[in-house]
Amino acid sequence: MAQFTRIEVATAMKETGMIPLFFSNDLELSKNVLKACYDGGARLMEFTARGDFAHEVFAELTKYAIKELPGMIMGVGSVTDAAAASLYMQLGANFIVTPVFREDIAIACNRRKVLWSPGCGTLSEIARAEELGCEIVKLFPGEIYGPQFIKGVKGPCPWTNIMPTGGVSTERDNLKSWFDAGAYCVGIGSQLISASVLQSRDYAGLTQKVKETIPIIAEIRKT
């Protein structure tokens, strides 16, 4: 069962402006990455469940977060059907992110009042997702659509909240382009939690990168 309401999740996404994305089958590595992001100020983690037995890792990781990292909001990404969404919600997922728009996932999440963020690539998909109660739409792959897509959508639909994933980095100019266009928050995966960080187990470096990135986002929003 979710530890946080969907309103609390949406508020945290807005306040921090950034959601780290990460997956590994190595539980201890995952715990260290999660703690490094937490120590840096991140309060959400999207566990991109893309491997065999990913649900087992997520279950243990969520238990660890509840016990050791107060206020850390655990969610799951790369969910492609309602059965998987239901499984992860039973394991404590506080939000569900999908690469595609699926009404069956919307129904499953809404029944439990869990925030869901579907991948949408057209204004029609976004409109239908919002009709089904979606609060924050995922723009994926972000590098294909770019910031101008968000700006274009926000013109006729200023109420639409969009989270780009893919094509987002920790560089100031990159972040500025997304937030200036009207992004609600951003999802950052390998540009934050890189292969080199994982290979070298540079958890201190990851913590520092998160510490640097969150204030950059806050500064960009102020201007």
C-alpha atoms as a PDB file:
ATOM      1  CA  MET A   1       0.000   0.000   0.000  1.00  0.00           C
ATOM      2  CA  ALA A   2       1.189   3.517  -0.791  1.00  0.00           C
ATOM      3  CA  GLN A   3       2.675   5.508   2.082  1.00  0.00           C
ATOM      4  CA  PHE A   4       1.939   8.859   0.437  1.00  0.00           C
ATOM      5  CA  THR A   5      -1.208  10.265  -1.169  1.00  0.00           C
ATOM      6  CA  ARG A   6      -1.156  11.251  -4.816  1.00  0.00           C
ATOM      7  CA  ILE A   7      -1.446  14.886  -3.750  1.00  0.00           C
ATOM      8  CA  GLU A   8       1.660  14.520  -1.597  1.00  0.00           C
ATOM      9  CA  VAL A   9       3.488  12.854  -4.472  1.00  0.00           C
ATOM     10  CA  ALA A  10       2.535  15.567  -6.963  1.00  0.00           C
ATOM     11  CA  THR A  11       3.586  18.250  -4.477  1.00  0.00           C
ATOM     12  CA  ALA A  12       6.979  16.618  -3.927  1.00  0.00           C
ATOM     13  CA  MET A  13       7.514  16.389  -7.677  1.00  0.00           C
ATOM     14  CA  LYS A  14       6.802  20.095  -7.987  1.00  0.00           C
ATOM     15  CA  GLU A  15       8.943  21.103  -5.013  1.00  0.00           C
ATOM     16  CA  THR A  16      12.108  19.192  -5.934  1.00  0.00           C
ATOM     17  CA  GLY A  17      11.568  19.453  -9.669  1.00  0.00           C
ATOM     18  CA  MET A  18      13.558  16.295 -10.311  1.00  0.00           C
ATOM     19  CA  ILE A  19      12.989  12.552 -10.140  1.00  0.00           C
ATOM     20  CA  PRO A  20      16.003  10.227 -10.407  1.00  0.00           C
ATOM     21  CA  LEU A  21      15.381   7.127 -12.551  1.00  0.00           C
ATOM     22  CA  PHE A  22      17.281   3.949 -11.826  1.00  0.00           C
ATOM     23  CA  PHE A  23      17.248   0.168 -12.115  1.00  0.00           C
ATOM     24  CA  SER A  24      19.544  -2.612 -10.973  1.00  0.00           C
ATOM     25  CA  ASN A  25      19.059  -6.231  -9.990  1.00  0.00           C
ATOM     26  CA  ASP A  26      21.713  -5.705  -7.306  1.00  0.00           C
ATOM     27  CA  LEU A  27      19.846  -4.873  -4.102  1.00  0.00           C
ATOM     28  CA  GLU A  28      22.825  -3.526  -2.161  1.00  0.00           C
ATOM     29  CA  LEU A  29      23.867  -1.334  -5.073  1.00  0.00           C
ATOM     30  CA  SER A  30      20.289  -0.089  -5.345  1.00  0.00           C
ATOM     31  CA  LYS A  31      20.192   0.773  -1.651  1.00  0.00           C
ATOM     32  CA  ASN A  32      23.415   2.762  -1.928  1.00  0.00           C
ATOM     33  CA  VAL A  33      22.189   4.644  -4.990  1.00  0.00           C
ATOM     34  CA  LEU A  34      18.883   5.418  -3.298  1.00  0.00           C
ATOM     35  CA  LYS A  35      20.598   6.686  -0.151  1.00  0.00           C
ATOM     36  CA  ALA A  36      23.044   8.783  -2.196  1.00  0.00           C
ATOM     37  CA  CYS A  37      20.127  10.487  -3.976  1.00  0.00           C
ATOM     38  CA  TYR A  38      18.304  10.940  -0.659  1.00  0.00           C
ATOM     39  CA  ASP A  39      21.377  12.468   0.993  1.00  0.00           C
ATOM     40  CA  GLY A  40      21.607  14.861  -1.936  1.00  0.00           C
ATOM     41  CA  GLY A  41      18.056  16.102  -1.370  1.00  0.00           C
ATOM     42  CA  ALA A  42      15.995  13.952  -3.745  1.00  0.00           C
ATOM     43  CA  ARG A  43      12.717  12.845  -2.220  1.00  0.00           C
ATOM     44  CA  LEU A  44      11.431  10.663  -5.030  1.00  0.00           C
ATOM     45  CA  MET A  45      12.860   7.695  -6.889  1.00  0.00           C
ATOM     46  CA  GLU A  46      11.443   6.057  -9.997  1.00  0.00           C
ATOM     47  CA  PHE A  47      12.593   2.446 -10.003  1.00  0.00           C
ATOM     48  CA  THR A  48      12.504   1.572 -13.701  1.00  0.00           C
ATOM     49  CA  ALA A  49      11.470  -2.056 -13.387  1.00  0.00           C
ATOM     50  CA  ARG A  50      12.969  -3.520 -16.542  1.00  0.00           C
ATOM     51  CA  GLY A  51      14.594  -6.763 -15.433  1.00  0.00           C
ATOM     52  CA  ASP A  52      13.655 -10.227 -14.252  1.00  0.00           C
ATOM     53  CA  PHE A  53      12.540 -10.336 -10.618  1.00  0.00           C
ATOM     54  CA  ALA A  54      12.535  -6.539 -10.507  1.00  0.00           C
ATOM     55  CA  HIS A  55       9.529  -6.659  -8.181  1.00  0.00           C
ATOM     56  CA  GLU A  56      11.572  -8.526  -5.591  1.00  0.00           C
ATOM     57  CA  VAL A  57      14.273  -5.848  -5.611  1.00  0.00           C
ATOM     58  CA  PHE A  58      11.677  -3.084  -5.448  1.00  0.00           C
ATOM     59  CA  ALA A  59       9.930  -4.697  -2.480  1.00  0.00           C
ATOM     60  CA  GLU A  60      13.140  -4.823  -0.445  1.00  0.00           C
ATOM     61  CA  LEU A  61      14.212  -1.366  -1.575  1.00  0.00           C
ATOM     62  CA  THR A  62      10.891   0.097  -0.476  1.00  0.00           C
ATOM     63  CA  LYS A  63      11.122  -1.571   2.921  1.00  0.00           C
ATOM     64  CA  TYR A  64      14.589  -0.074   3.281  1.00  0.00           C
ATOM     65  CA  ALA A  65      13.315   3.399   2.344  1.00  0.00           C
ATOM     66  CA  ILE A  66      10.435   3.219   4.821  1.00  0.00           C
ATOM     67  CA  LYS A  67      12.771   2.156   7.620  1.00  0.00           C
ATOM     68  CA  GLU A  68      15.888   4.225   6.912  1.00  0.00           C
ATOM     69  CA  LEU A  69      14.951   7.152   4.640  1.00  0.00           C
ATOM     70  CA  PRO A  70      11.951   9.028   6.068  1.00  0.00           C
ATOM     71  CA  GLY A  71      10.080  11.026   3.458  1.00  0.00           C
ATOM     72  CA  MET A  72      11.498   9.136   0.482  1.00  0.00           C
ATOM     73  CA  ILE A  73       8.731   8.481  -2.033  1.00  0.00           C
ATOM     74  CA  MET A  74       9.205   5.275  -3.986  1.00  0.00           C
ATOM     75  CA  GLY A  75       7.600   4.801  -7.387  1.00  0.00           C
ATOM     76  CA  VAL A  76       7.916   2.435 -10.326  1.00  0.00           C
ATOM     77  CA  GLY A  77       8.503   3.167 -14.002  1.00  0.00           C
ATOM     78  CA  SER A  78       8.395   1.137 -17.227  1.00  0.00           C
ATOM     79  CA  VAL A  79       5.046  -0.361 -16.198  1.00  0.00           C
ATOM     80  CA  THR A  80       3.135  -1.557 -19.264  1.00  0.00           C
ATOM     81  CA  ASP A  81      -0.073  -3.168 -17.990  1.00  0.00           C
ATOM     82  CA  ALA A  82      -2.558  -3.045 -15.129  1.00  0.00           C
ATOM     83  CA  ALA A  83      -1.433  -6.354 -13.633  1.00  0.00           C
ATOM     84  CA  ALA A  84       2.104  -5.069 -13.166  1.00  0.00           C
ATOM     85  CA  ALA A  85       0.800  -1.773 -11.787  1.00  0.00           C
ATOM     86  CA  SER A  86      -1.338  -3.629  -9.247  1.00  0.00           C
ATOM     87  CA  LEU A  87       1.586  -5.809  -8.203  1.00  0.00           C
ATOM     88  CA  TYR A  88       3.865  -2.845  -7.594  1.00  0.00           C
ATOM     89  CA  MET A  89       1.187  -0.937  -5.706  1.00  0.00           C
ATOM     90  CA  GLN A  90       0.800  -3.954  -3.409  1.00  0.00           C
ATOM     91  CA  LEU A  91       4.564  -3.755  -2.855  1.00  0.00           C
ATOM     92  CA  GLY A  92       4.338  -0.109  -1.794  1.00  0.00           C
ATOM     93  CA  ALA A  93       4.640   1.949  -4.975  1.00  0.00           C
ATOM     94  CA  ASN A  94       3.482   5.517  -4.368  1.00  0.00           C
ATOM     95  CA  PHE A  95       3.341   6.384  -8.062  1.00  0.00           C
ATOM     96  CA  ILE A  96       3.294   4.514 -11.351  1.00  0.00           C
ATOM     97  CA  VAL A  97       5.003   5.766 -14.501  1.00  0.00           C
ATOM     98  CA  THR A  98       4.407   4.188 -17.906  1.00  0.00           C
ATOM     99  CA  PRO A  99       6.114   4.584 -21.298  1.00  0.00           C
ATOM    100  CA  VAL A 100       2.710   4.382 -22.984  1.00  0.00           C
ATOM    101  CA  PHE A 101      -0.853   5.535 -22.362  1.00  0.00           C
ATOM    102  CA  ARG A 102      -3.053   2.677 -21.106  1.00  0.00           C
ATOM    103  CA  GLU A 103      -6.556   3.069 -19.746  1.00  0.00           C
ATOM    104  CA  ASP A 104      -6.348  -0.197 -17.799  1.00  0.00           C
ATOM    105  CA  ILE A 105      -3.443   1.230 -15.779  1.00  0.00           C
ATOM    106  CA  ALA A 106      -5.424   4.422 -15.156  1.00  0.00           C
ATOM    107  CA  ILE A 107      -8.314   2.403 -13.739  1.00  0.00           C
ATOM    108  CA  ALA A 108      -6.077   0.278 -11.513  1.00  0.00           C
ATOM    109  CA  CYS A 109      -4.250   3.295 -10.093  1.00  0.00           C
ATOM    110  CA  ASN A 110      -7.336   5.467  -9.662  1.00  0.00           C
ATOM    111  CA  ARG A 111      -9.058   2.677  -7.763  1.00  0.00           C
ATOM    112  CA  ARG A 112      -6.272   2.884  -5.180  1.00  0.00           C
ATOM    113  CA  LYS A 113      -5.859   6.670  -5.468  1.00  0.00           C
ATOM    114  CA  VAL A 114      -2.244   6.291  -6.569  1.00  0.00           C
ATOM    115  CA  LEU A 115      -0.689   8.883  -8.870  1.00  0.00           C
ATOM    116  CA  TRP A 116      -0.007   7.578 -12.366  1.00  0.00           C
ATOM    117  CA  SER A 117       1.952   9.307 -15.107  1.00  0.00           C
ATOM    118  CA  PRO A 118       1.442   7.890 -18.603  1.00  0.00           C
ATOM    119  CA  GLY A 119       3.782   8.395 -21.524  1.00  0.00           C
ATOM    120  CA  CYS A 120       1.975  10.580 -24.061  1.00  0.00           C
ATOM    121  CA  GLY A 121       3.122  11.944 -27.410  1.00  0.00           C
ATOM    122  CA  THR A 122       0.076  13.779 -28.745  1.00  0.00           C
ATOM    123  CA  LEU A 123      -2.313  16.378 -27.408  1.00  0.00           C
ATOM    124  CA  SER A 124      -5.160  13.918 -27.921  1.00  0.00           C
ATOM    125  CA  GLU A 125      -3.437  11.339 -25.707  1.00  0.00           C
ATOM    126  CA  ILE A 126      -2.767  13.998 -23.081  1.00  0.00           C
ATOM    127  CA  ALA A 127      -6.395  15.146 -23.136  1.00  0.00           C
ATOM    128  CA  ARG A 128      -7.686  11.589 -22.734  1.00  0.00           C
ATOM    129  CA  ALA A 129      -5.246  10.909 -19.890  1.00  0.00           C
ATOM    130  CA  GLU A 130      -6.442  14.036 -18.097  1.00  0.00           C
ATOM    131  CA  GLU A 131     -10.069  12.987 -18.607  1.00  0.00           C
ATOM    132  CA  LEU A 132      -9.120   9.786 -16.761  1.00  0.00           C
ATOM    133  CA  GLY A 133      -7.685  11.753 -13.856  1.00  0.00           C
ATOM    134  CA  CYS A 134      -4.015  12.076 -14.791  1.00  0.00           C
ATOM    135  CA  GLU A 135      -2.312  14.893 -12.885  1.00  0.00           C
ATOM    136  CA  ILE A 136       1.156  14.769 -14.469  1.00  0.00           C
ATOM    137  CA  VAL A 137       1.789  13.510 -17.992  1.00  0.00           C
ATOM    138  CA  LYS A 138       5.111  11.935 -18.935  1.00  0.00           C
ATOM    139  CA  LEU A 139       6.651  13.185 -22.178  1.00  0.00           C
ATOM    140  CA  PHE A 140       8.659  10.270 -23.550  1.00  0.00           C
ATOM    141  CA  PRO A 141      11.047  10.059 -25.228  1.00  0.00           C
ATOM    142  CA  GLY A 142      11.791  13.669 -24.365  1.00  0.00           C
ATOM    143  CA  GLU A 143      14.727  14.005 -26.732  1.00  0.00           C
ATOM    144  CA  ILE A 144      12.447  13.303 -29.691  1.00  0.00           C
ATOM    145  CA  TYR A 145       9.810  15.909 -28.816  1.00  0.00           C
ATOM    146  CA  GLY A 146      11.975  18.550 -27.140  1.00  0.00           C
ATOM    147  CA  PRO A 147      11.027  21.549 -24.977  1.00  0.00           C
ATOM    148  CA  GLN A 148       9.062  23.174 -27.795  1.00  0.00           C
ATOM    149  CA  PHE A 149       6.466  20.411 -27.550  1.00  0.00           C
ATOM    150  CA  ILE A 150       5.758  21.386 -23.948  1.00  0.00           C
ATOM    151  CA  LYS A 151       5.566  25.060 -24.863  1.00  0.00           C
ATOM    152  CA  GLY A 152       3.166  24.230 -27.688  1.00  0.00           C
ATOM    153  CA  VAL A 153       0.875  22.194 -25.430  1.00  0.00           C
ATOM    154  CA  LYS A 154       0.880  24.746 -22.621  1.00  0.00           C
ATOM    155  CA  GLY A 155      -0.451  27.403 -25.014  1.00  0.00           C
ATOM    156  CA  PRO A 156      -3.970  25.986 -25.450  1.00  0.00           C
ATOM    157  CA  CYS A 157      -3.811  23.838 -22.304  1.00  0.00           C
ATOM    158  CA  PRO A 158      -2.036  25.833 -19.545  1.00  0.00           C
ATOM    159  CA  TRP A 159      -3.423  23.455 -16.894  1.00  0.00           C
ATOM    160  CA  THR A 160      -1.462  20.497 -18.289  1.00  0.00           C
ATOM    161  CA  ASN A 161       1.475  19.313 -16.170  1.00  0.00           C
ATOM    162  CA  ILE A 162       4.263  17.624 -18.139  1.00  0.00           C
ATOM    163  CA  MET A 163       7.297  15.670 -16.945  1.00  0.00           C
ATOM    164  CA  PRO A 164       9.868  15.052 -19.716  1.00  0.00           C
ATOM    165  CA  THR A 165      12.007  11.945 -19.431  1.00  0.00           C
ATOM    166  CA  GLY A 166      14.792  11.202 -21.874  1.00  0.00           C
ATOM    167  CA  GLY A 167      16.971  13.988 -23.199  1.00  0.00           C
ATOM    168  CA  VAL A 168      17.169  15.630 -19.770  1.00  0.00           C
ATOM    169  CA  SER A 169      20.583  16.189 -18.203  1.00  0.00           C
ATOM    170  CA  THR A 170      21.932  17.989 -15.143  1.00  0.00           C
ATOM    171  CA  GLU A 171      23.461  20.770 -17.246  1.00  0.00           C
ATOM    172  CA  ARG A 172      22.036  24.215 -16.478  1.00  0.00           C
ATOM    173  CA  ASP A 173      21.254  25.074 -20.108  1.00  0.00           C
ATOM    174  CA  ASN A 174      19.455  21.788 -20.633  1.00  0.00           C
ATOM    175  CA  LEU A 175      17.369  22.173 -17.483  1.00  0.00           C
ATOM    176  CA  LYS A 176      16.624  25.794 -18.318  1.00  0.00           C
ATOM    177  CA  SER A 177      15.286  24.835 -21.742  1.00  0.00           C
ATOM    178  CA  TRP A 178      12.795  22.397 -20.208  1.00  0.00           C
ATOM    179  CA  PHE A 179      11.612  24.559 -17.334  1.00  0.00           C
ATOM    180  CA  ASP A 180      11.424  27.713 -19.419  1.00  0.00           C
ATOM    181  CA  ALA A 181       9.133  25.772 -21.759  1.00  0.00           C
ATOM    182  CA  GLY A 182       6.843  24.956 -18.820  1.00  0.00           C
ATOM    183  CA  ALA A 183       7.940  21.539 -17.524  1.00  0.00           C
ATOM    184  CA  TYR A 184       6.341  20.615 -14.202  1.00  0.00           C
ATOM    185  CA  CYS A 185       9.340  18.486 -13.224  1.00  0.00           C
ATOM    186  CA  VAL A 186      11.909  16.331 -15.005  1.00  0.00           C
ATOM    187  CA  GLY A 187      12.961  12.704 -14.847  1.00  0.00           C
ATOM    188  CA  ILE A 188      16.713  12.088 -15.091  1.00  0.00           C
ATOM    189  CA  GLY A 189      18.237   8.661 -15.521  1.00  0.00           C
ATOM    190  CA  SER A 190      21.669   7.873 -16.933  1.00  0.00           C
ATOM    191  CA  GLN A 191      22.595  11.546 -17.176  1.00  0.00           C
ATOM    192  CA  LEU A 192      22.494  11.579 -13.373  1.00  0.00           C
ATOM    193  CA  ILE A 193      23.113   7.993 -12.312  1.00  0.00           C
ATOM    194  CA  SER A 194      25.662   7.171 -14.990  1.00  0.00           C
ATOM    195  CA  ALA A 195      27.329   3.875 -15.802  1.00  0.00           C
ATOM    196  CA  SER A 196      30.628   5.289 -14.549  1.00  0.00           C
ATOM    197  CA  VAL A 197      29.062   6.194 -11.197  1.00  0.00           C
ATOM    198  CA  LEU A 198      27.748   2.657 -10.847  1.00  0.00           C
ATOM    199  CA  GLN A 199      30.958   0.995 -11.947  1.00  0.00           C
ATOM    200  CA  SER A 200      33.123   3.048  -9.590  1.00  0.00           C
ATOM    201  CA  ARG A 201      30.531   3.009  -6.789  1.00  0.00           C
ATOM    202  CA  ASP A 202      30.942   6.776  -6.582  1.00  0.00           C
ATOM    203  CA  TYR A 203      28.033   7.346  -4.229  1.00  0.00           C
ATOM    204  CA  ALA A 204      29.561  10.510  -2.762  1.00  0.00           C
ATOM    205  CA  GLY A 205      29.832  11.953  -6.256  1.00  0.00           C
ATOM    206  CA  LEU A 206      26.204  11.100  -6.952  1.00  0.00           C
ATOM    207  CA  THR A 207      25.121  12.796  -3.730  1.00  0.00           C
ATOM    208  CA  GLN A 208      27.040  15.906  -4.715  1.00  0.00           C
ATOM    209  CA  LYS A 209      25.523  15.946  -8.201  1.00  0.00           C
ATOM    210  CA  VAL A 210      22.004  15.775  -6.766  1.00  0.00           C
ATOM    211  CA  LYS A 211      22.885  18.525  -4.270  1.00  0.00           C
ATOM    212  CA  GLU A 212      24.010  20.733  -7.149  1.00  0.00           C
ATOM    213  CA  THR A 213      21.108  19.996  -9.480  1.00  0.00           C
ATOM    214  CA  ILE A 214      18.125  20.681  -7.218  1.00  0.00           C
ATOM    215  CA  PRO A 215      19.199  24.291  -6.445  1.00  0.00           C
ATOM    216  CA  ILE A 216      19.829  24.908 -10.148  1.00  0.00           C
ATOM    217  CA  ILE A 217      16.237  23.925 -10.876  1.00  0.00           C
ATOM    218  CA  ALA A 218      14.974  26.170  -8.061  1.00  0.00           C
ATOM    219  CA  GLU A 219      17.015  29.094  -9.389  1.00  0.00           C
ATOM    220  CA  ILE A 220      15.783  28.596 -12.947  1.00  0.00           C
ATOM    221  CA  ARG A 221      12.193  28.617 -11.766  1.00  0.00           C
ATOM    222  CA  LYS A 222      12.654  31.873  -9.906  1.00  0.00           C
ATOM    223  CA  THR A 223      13.885  33.617 -13.028  1.00  0.00           C
END
